[in-house]
Amino acid sequence: MSLLTLTALEIVLGIDNLVFISIMSNRLPAHQQSN
């Protein structure tokens, strides 16, 4: 049961990291263009 919980947490955190990276990579070029 604990292994299933750890696997679910890793999947959620992995998706959260992908969303965060995509948001940051989308903001960086726009910020660099305004400078």
Protein backbone atom coordinates (compact mmCIF):
# COMPACT_ATOMS: atom_id res chain seq x y z
CA MET A 1 0.00 0.00 0.00
CA SER A 2 2.82 2.41 0.81
CA LEU A 3 4.46 1.64 -2.54
CA LEU A 4 1.24 2.59 -4.34
CA THR A 5 1.07 5.85 -2.38
CA LEU A 6 4.70 6.68 -3.20
CA THR A 7 4.13 5.92 -6.88
CA ALA A 8 1.06 8.17 -6.97
CA LEU A 9 2.98 10.99 -5.25
CA GLU A 10 5.86 10.69 -7.72
CA ILE A 11 3.46 10.84 -10.68
CA VAL A 12 1.68 13.92 -9.27
CA LEU A 13 4.96 15.66 -8.47
CA GLY A 14 6.32 14.79 -11.92
CA ILE A 15 3.29 16.32 -13.62
CA ASP A 16 3.53 19.37 -11.33
CA ASN A 17 7.20 19.81 -12.29
CA LEU A 18 6.36 19.56 -16.01
CA VAL A 19 3.65 22.22 -15.64
CA PHE A 20 6.01 24.49 -13.69
CA ILE A 21 8.81 24.08 -16.24
CA SER A 22 6.43 24.75 -19.15
CA ILE A 23 5.10 27.91 -17.47
CA MET A 24 8.61 29.17 -16.71
CA SER A 25 9.88 28.40 -20.23
CA ASN A 26 6.87 30.23 -21.68
CA ARG A 27 7.48 33.30 -19.52
CA LEU A 28 11.23 33.51 -20.08
CA PRO A 29 11.22 34.37 -23.83
CA ALA A 30 8.48 36.99 -23.34
CA HIS A 31 10.47 38.55 -20.49
CA GLN A 32 13.62 38.56 -22.60
CA GLN A 33 11.78 40.13 -25.55
CA SER A 34 10.49 43.00 -23.39
CA ASN A 35 14.05 43.82 -22.33
